[in-house]
Amino acid sequence: GMWNVPKYSNPEGVVYSDETVARLA
């Protein structure tokens, strides 16, 4: 498995890009 906080990640506030989300899916 893998942990993800895809929107405003804890702690950096990163929003996963569309490309990253597509590759994960």
PDB file of all heavy atoms in Angstrom:
ATOM      1  N   GLY A   1       0.803  -1.215   0.000  1.00  0.00           N
ATOM      2  CA  GLY A   1       0.000   0.000   0.000  1.00  0.00           C
ATOM      3  C   GLY A   1       0.832   1.258   0.000  1.00  0.00           C
ATOM      4  O   GLY A   1       2.070   1.229   0.009  1.00  0.00           O
ATOM      5  N   MET A   2       0.118   2.374   0.008  1.00  0.00           N
ATOM      6  CA  MET A   2       0.765   3.684  -0.101  1.00  0.00           C
ATOM      7  C   MET A   2      -0.131   4.740   0.521  1.00  0.00           C
ATOM      8  O   MET A   2      -1.339   4.783   0.282  1.00  0.00           O
ATOM      9  CB  MET A   2       1.010   4.018  -1.576  1.00  0.00           C
ATOM     10  CG  MET A   2       1.575   5.394  -1.848  1.00  0.00           C
ATOM     11  SD  MET A   2       1.743   5.659  -3.639  1.00  0.00           S
ATOM     12  CE  MET A   2       2.385   7.351  -3.650  1.00  0.00           C
ATOM     13  N   TRP A   3       0.462   5.594   1.338  1.00  0.00           N
ATOM     14  CA  TRP A   3      -0.258   6.738   1.901  1.00  0.00           C
ATOM     15  C   TRP A   3      -0.284   7.882   0.901  1.00  0.00           C
ATOM     16  O   TRP A   3       0.715   8.118   0.203  1.00  0.00           O
ATOM     17  CB  TRP A   3       0.406   7.230   3.185  1.00  0.00           C
ATOM     18  CG  TRP A   3       0.323   6.287   4.344  1.00  0.00           C
ATOM     19  CD1 TRP A   3       1.363   5.646   4.960  1.00  0.00           C
ATOM     20  CD2 TRP A   3      -0.859   5.898   5.044  1.00  0.00           C
ATOM     21  NE1 TRP A   3       0.897   4.880   5.985  1.00  0.00           N
ATOM     22  CE2 TRP A   3      -0.467   5.012   6.067  1.00  0.00           C
ATOM     23  CE3 TRP A   3      -2.218   6.198   4.901  1.00  0.00           C
ATOM     24  CZ2 TRP A   3      -1.378   4.423   6.951  1.00  0.00           C
ATOM     25  CZ3 TRP A   3      -3.122   5.619   5.777  1.00  0.00           C
ATOM     26  CH2 TRP A   3      -2.705   4.752   6.784  1.00  0.00           C
ATOM     27  N   ASN A   4      -1.400   8.601   0.859  1.00  0.00           N
ATOM     28  CA  ASN A   4      -1.502   9.797   0.024  1.00  0.00           C
ATOM     29  C   ASN A   4      -2.381  10.839   0.709  1.00  0.00           C
ATOM     30  O   ASN A   4      -3.435  10.496   1.264  1.00  0.00           O
ATOM     31  CB  ASN A   4      -2.148   9.460  -1.331  1.00  0.00           C
ATOM     32  CG  ASN A   4      -1.278   8.592  -2.196  1.00  0.00           C
ATOM     33  OD1 ASN A   4      -0.397   9.065  -2.902  1.00  0.00           O
ATOM     34  ND2 ASN A   4      -1.525   7.284  -2.142  1.00  0.00           N
ATOM     35  N   VAL A   5      -1.946  12.079   0.688  1.00  0.00           N
ATOM     36  CA  VAL A   5      -2.798  13.231   1.009  1.00  0.00           C
ATOM     37  C   VAL A   5      -2.779  14.075  -0.253  1.00  0.00           C
ATOM     38  O   VAL A   5      -1.915  14.931  -0.435  1.00  0.00           O
ATOM     39  CB  VAL A   5      -2.283  14.019   2.225  1.00  0.00           C
ATOM     40  CG1 VAL A   5      -3.228  15.175   2.543  1.00  0.00           C
ATOM     41  CG2 VAL A   5      -2.147  13.107   3.443  1.00  0.00           C
ATOM     42  N   PRO A   6      -3.731  13.832  -1.178  1.00  0.00           N
ATOM     43  CA  PRO A   6      -3.595  14.338  -2.555  1.00  0.00           C
ATOM     44  C   PRO A   6      -3.855  15.820  -2.740  1.00  0.00           C
ATOM     45  O   PRO A   6      -3.458  16.387  -3.744  1.00  0.00           O
ATOM     46  CB  PRO A   6      -4.638  13.512  -3.310  1.00  0.00           C
ATOM     47  CG  PRO A   6      -5.680  13.206  -2.281  1.00  0.00           C
ATOM     48  CD  PRO A   6      -4.914  12.988  -1.010  1.00  0.00           C
ATOM     49  N   LYS A   7      -4.512  16.441  -1.786  1.00  0.00           N
ATOM     50  CA  LYS A   7      -4.809  17.867  -1.932  1.00  0.00           C
ATOM     51  C   LYS A   7      -4.372  18.598  -0.663  1.00  0.00           C
ATOM     52  O   LYS A   7      -4.819  18.284   0.431  1.00  0.00           O
ATOM     53  CB  LYS A   7      -6.304  18.080  -2.193  1.00  0.00           C
ATOM     54  CG  LYS A   7      -6.657  19.536  -2.486  1.00  0.00           C
ATOM     55  CD  LYS A   7      -8.136  19.714  -2.815  1.00  0.00           C
ATOM     56  CE  LYS A   7      -8.479  21.187  -3.015  1.00  0.00           C
ATOM     57  NZ  LYS A   7      -9.925  21.409  -3.214  1.00  0.00           N
ATOM     58  N   TYR A   8      -3.486  19.579  -0.833  1.00  0.00           N
ATOM     59  CA  TYR A   8      -2.890  20.306   0.283  1.00  0.00           C
ATOM     60  C   TYR A   8      -2.256  19.321   1.265  1.00  0.00           C
ATOM     61  O   TYR A   8      -2.650  19.205   2.431  1.00  0.00           O
ATOM     62  CB  TYR A   8      -3.928  21.210   0.978  1.00  0.00           C
ATOM     63  CG  TYR A   8      -4.593  22.165   0.020  1.00  0.00           C
ATOM     64  CD1 TYR A   8      -5.970  22.305  -0.026  1.00  0.00           C
ATOM     65  CD2 TYR A   8      -3.846  22.922  -0.879  1.00  0.00           C
ATOM     66  CE1 TYR A   8      -6.595  23.165  -0.921  1.00  0.00           C
ATOM     67  CE2 TYR A   8      -4.450  23.788  -1.777  1.00  0.00           C
ATOM     68  CZ  TYR A   8      -5.822  23.898  -1.800  1.00  0.00           C
ATOM     69  OH  TYR A   8      -6.430  24.757  -2.694  1.00  0.00           O
ATOM     70  N   SER A   9      -1.278  18.595   0.767  1.00  0.00           N
ATOM     71  CA  SER A   9      -0.645  17.524   1.530  1.00  0.00           C
ATOM     72  C   SER A   9      -0.131  18.040   2.868  1.00  0.00           C
ATOM     73  O   SER A   9       0.222  19.209   3.020  1.00  0.00           O
ATOM     74  CB  SER A   9       0.515  16.936   0.728  1.00  0.00           C
ATOM     75  OG  SER A   9       1.561  17.893   0.571  1.00  0.00           O
ATOM     76  N   ASN A  10      -0.127  17.140   3.817  1.00  0.00           N
ATOM     77  CA  ASN A  10       0.381  17.417   5.162  1.00  0.00           C
ATOM     78  C   ASN A  10       1.835  16.952   5.202  1.00  0.00           C
ATOM     79  O   ASN A  10       2.104  15.750   5.046  1.00  0.00           O
ATOM     80  CB  ASN A  10      -0.465  16.630   6.173  1.00  0.00           C
ATOM     81  CG  ASN A  10      -0.031  16.799   7.612  1.00  0.00           C
ATOM     82  OD1 ASN A  10       1.011  17.368   7.891  1.00  0.00           O
ATOM     83  ND2 ASN A  10      -0.832  16.274   8.534  1.00  0.00           N
ATOM     84  N   PRO A  11       2.838  17.867   5.348  1.00  0.00           N
ATOM     85  CA  PRO A  11       2.670  19.263   5.740  1.00  0.00           C
ATOM     86  C   PRO A  11       2.888  20.294   4.620  1.00  0.00           C
ATOM     87  O   PRO A  11       2.762  21.485   4.862  1.00  0.00           O
ATOM     88  CB  PRO A  11       3.796  19.419   6.771  1.00  0.00           C
ATOM     89  CG  PRO A  11       4.911  18.578   6.212  1.00  0.00           C
ATOM     90  CD  PRO A  11       4.233  17.398   5.549  1.00  0.00           C
ATOM     91  N   GLU A  12       3.253  19.878   3.406  1.00  0.00           N
ATOM     92  CA  GLU A  12       3.761  20.843   2.429  1.00  0.00           C
ATOM     93  C   GLU A  12       2.678  21.630   1.693  1.00  0.00           C
ATOM     94  O   GLU A  12       2.974  22.643   1.072  1.00  0.00           O
ATOM     95  CB  GLU A  12       4.638  20.129   1.404  1.00  0.00           C
ATOM     96  CG  GLU A  12       5.948  19.619   1.992  1.00  0.00           C
ATOM     97  CD  GLU A  12       6.873  19.104   0.914  1.00  0.00           C
ATOM     98  OE1 GLU A  12       6.492  18.160   0.194  1.00  0.00           O
ATOM     99  OE2 GLU A  12       7.979  19.652   0.777  1.00  0.00           O
ATOM    100  N   GLY A  13       1.438  21.146   1.713  1.00  0.00           N
ATOM    101  CA  GLY A  13       0.387  21.843   0.981  1.00  0.00           C
ATOM    102  C   GLY A  13       0.425  21.596  -0.514  1.00  0.00           C
ATOM    103  O   GLY A  13      -0.116  22.382  -1.296  1.00  0.00           O
ATOM    104  N   VAL A  14       1.058  20.497  -0.939  1.00  0.00           N
ATOM    105  CA  VAL A  14       1.145  20.150  -2.366  1.00  0.00           C
ATOM    106  C   VAL A  14      -0.204  19.613  -2.846  1.00  0.00           C
ATOM    107  O   VAL A  14      -0.856  18.826  -2.163  1.00  0.00           O
ATOM    108  CB  VAL A  14       2.238  19.091  -2.603  1.00  0.00           C
ATOM    109  CG1 VAL A  14       2.182  18.554  -4.031  1.00  0.00           C
ATOM    110  CG2 VAL A  14       3.608  19.672  -2.308  1.00  0.00           C
ATOM    111  N   VAL A  15      -0.612  20.022  -4.036  1.00  0.00           N
ATOM    112  CA  VAL A  15      -1.783  19.456  -4.699  1.00  0.00           C
ATOM    113  C   VAL A  15      -1.273  18.539  -5.810  1.00  0.00           C
ATOM    114  O   VAL A  15      -0.543  18.982  -6.703  1.00  0.00           O
ATOM    115  CB  VAL A  15      -2.685  20.557  -5.295  1.00  0.00           C
ATOM    116  CG1 VAL A  15      -3.871  19.939  -6.030  1.00  0.00           C
ATOM    117  CG2 VAL A  15      -3.178  21.500  -4.192  1.00  0.00           C
ATOM    118  N   TYR A  16      -1.625  17.269  -5.746  1.00  0.00           N
ATOM    119  CA  TYR A  16      -1.176  16.330  -6.773  1.00  0.00           C
ATOM    120  C   TYR A  16      -1.619  16.818  -8.147  1.00  0.00           C
ATOM    121  O   TYR A  16      -2.764  17.236  -8.339  1.00  0.00           O
ATOM    122  CB  TYR A  16      -1.783  14.948  -6.548  1.00  0.00           C
ATOM    123  CG  TYR A  16      -1.190  14.122  -5.424  1.00  0.00           C
ATOM    124  CD1 TYR A  16      -0.430  14.693  -4.410  1.00  0.00           C
ATOM    125  CD2 TYR A  16      -1.409  12.751  -5.374  1.00  0.00           C
ATOM    126  CE1 TYR A  16       0.087  13.923  -3.393  1.00  0.00           C
ATOM    127  CE2 TYR A  16      -0.896  11.964  -4.364  1.00  0.00           C
ATOM    128  CZ  TYR A  16      -0.146  12.551  -3.365  1.00  0.00           C
ATOM    129  OH  TYR A  16       0.356  11.775  -2.350  1.00  0.00           O
ATOM    130  N   SER A  17      -0.734  16.735  -9.110  1.00  0.00           N
ATOM    131  CA  SER A  17      -1.072  17.125 -10.477  1.00  0.00           C
ATOM    132  C   SER A  17      -1.993  16.083 -11.108  1.00  0.00           C
ATOM    133  O   SER A  17      -2.065  14.930 -10.665  1.00  0.00           O
ATOM    134  CB  SER A  17       0.194  17.264 -11.315  1.00  0.00           C
ATOM    135  OG  SER A  17       0.782  15.994 -11.538  1.00  0.00           O
ATOM    136  N   ASP A  18      -2.674  16.478 -12.160  1.00  0.00           N
ATOM    137  CA  ASP A  18      -3.543  15.548 -12.886  1.00  0.00           C
ATOM    138  C   ASP A  18      -2.746  14.352 -13.395  1.00  0.00           C
ATOM    139  O   ASP A  18      -3.230  13.208 -13.373  1.00  0.00           O
ATOM    140  CB  ASP A  18      -4.231  16.252 -14.055  1.00  0.00           C
ATOM    141  CG  ASP A  18      -5.263  17.289 -13.606  1.00  0.00           C
ATOM    142  OD1 ASP A  18      -5.675  17.234 -12.423  1.00  0.00           O
ATOM    143  OD2 ASP A  18      -5.647  18.142 -14.419  1.00  0.00           O
ATOM    144  N   GLU A  19      -1.535  14.605 -13.864  1.00  0.00           N
ATOM    145  CA  GLU A  19      -0.706  13.517 -14.370  1.00  0.00           C
ATOM    146  C   GLU A  19      -0.361  12.525 -13.265  1.00  0.00           C
ATOM    147  O   GLU A  19      -0.412  11.299 -13.463  1.00  0.00           O
ATOM    148  CB  GLU A  19       0.589  14.062 -14.981  1.00  0.00           C
ATOM    149  CG  GLU A  19       1.497  12.971 -15.524  1.00  0.00           C
ATOM    150  CD  GLU A  19       2.841  13.491 -16.015  1.00  0.00           C
ATOM    151  OE1 GLU A  19       3.055  14.719 -16.005  1.00  0.00           O
ATOM    152  OE2 GLU A  19       3.676  12.640 -16.403  1.00  0.00           O
ATOM    153  N   THR A  20      -0.015  13.049 -12.086  1.00  0.00           N
ATOM    154  CA  THR A  20       0.321  12.170 -10.959  1.00  0.00           C
ATOM    155  C   THR A  20      -0.875  11.321 -10.554  1.00  0.00           C
ATOM    156  O   THR A  20      -0.755  10.110 -10.341  1.00  0.00           O
ATOM    157  CB  THR A  20       0.807  13.001  -9.762  1.00  0.00           C
ATOM    158  OG1 THR A  20       2.046  13.637 -10.099  1.00  0.00           O
ATOM    159  CG2 THR A  20       1.020  12.126  -8.532  1.00  0.00           C
ATOM    160  N   VAL A  21      -2.047  11.950 -10.460  1.00  0.00           N
ATOM    161  CA  VAL A  21      -3.256  11.215 -10.088  1.00  0.00           C
ATOM    162  C   VAL A  21      -3.565  10.137 -11.121  1.00  0.00           C
ATOM    163  O   VAL A  21      -3.913   8.996 -10.778  1.00  0.00           O
ATOM    164  CB  VAL A  21      -4.453  12.180  -9.926  1.00  0.00           C
ATOM    165  CG1 VAL A  21      -5.739  11.400  -9.677  1.00  0.00           C
ATOM    166  CG2 VAL A  21      -4.208  13.156  -8.772  1.00  0.00           C
ATOM    167  N   ALA A  22      -3.404  10.476 -12.403  1.00  0.00           N
ATOM    168  CA  ALA A  22      -3.676   9.502 -13.469  1.00  0.00           C
ATOM    169  C   ALA A  22      -2.711   8.325 -13.390  1.00  0.00           C
ATOM    170  O   ALA A  22      -3.114   7.159 -13.578  1.00  0.00           O
ATOM    171  CB  ALA A  22      -3.583  10.182 -14.831  1.00  0.00           C
ATOM    172  N   ARG A  23      -1.445   8.598 -13.114  1.00  0.00           N
ATOM    173  CA  ARG A  23      -0.458   7.522 -13.014  1.00  0.00           C
ATOM    174  C   ARG A  23      -0.734   6.627 -11.801  1.00  0.00           C
ATOM    175  O   ARG A  23      -0.585   5.400 -11.876  1.00  0.00           O
ATOM    176  CB  ARG A  23       0.960   8.099 -12.947  1.00  0.00           C
ATOM    177  CG  ARG A  23       1.419   8.689 -14.257  1.00  0.00           C
ATOM    178  CD  ARG A  23       2.788   9.355 -14.138  1.00  0.00           C
ATOM    179  NE  ARG A  23       3.876   8.393 -13.970  1.00  0.00           N
ATOM    180  CZ  ARG A  23       5.166   8.742 -13.922  1.00  0.00           C
ATOM    181  NH1 ARG A  23       5.506  10.037 -14.041  1.00  0.00           N
ATOM    182  NH2 ARG A  23       6.106   7.829 -13.765  1.00  0.00           N
ATOM    183  N   LEU A  24      -1.159   7.223 -10.710  1.00  0.00           N
ATOM    184  CA  LEU A  24      -1.507   6.431  -9.530  1.00  0.00           C
ATOM    185  C   LEU A  24      -2.709   5.532  -9.808  1.00  0.00           C
ATOM    186  O   LEU A  24      -2.727   4.353  -9.444  1.00  0.00           O
ATOM    187  CB  LEU A  24      -1.797   7.351  -8.345  1.00  0.00           C
ATOM    188  CG  LEU A  24      -0.590   8.023  -7.697  1.00  0.00           C
ATOM    189  CD1 LEU A  24      -1.029   9.169  -6.790  1.00  0.00           C
ATOM    190  CD2 LEU A  24       0.223   7.000  -6.898  1.00  0.00           C
ATOM    191  N   ALA A  25      -3.719   6.097 -10.468  1.00  0.00           N
ATOM    192  CA  ALA A  25      -4.938   5.334 -10.754  1.00  0.00           C
ATOM    193  C   ALA A  25      -4.670   4.179 -11.717  1.00  0.00           C
ATOM    194  O   ALA A  25      -5.362   3.152 -11.671  1.00  0.00           O
ATOM    195  CB  ALA A  25      -6.007   6.252 -11.326  1.00  0.00           C
TER     196      ALA A  25
END
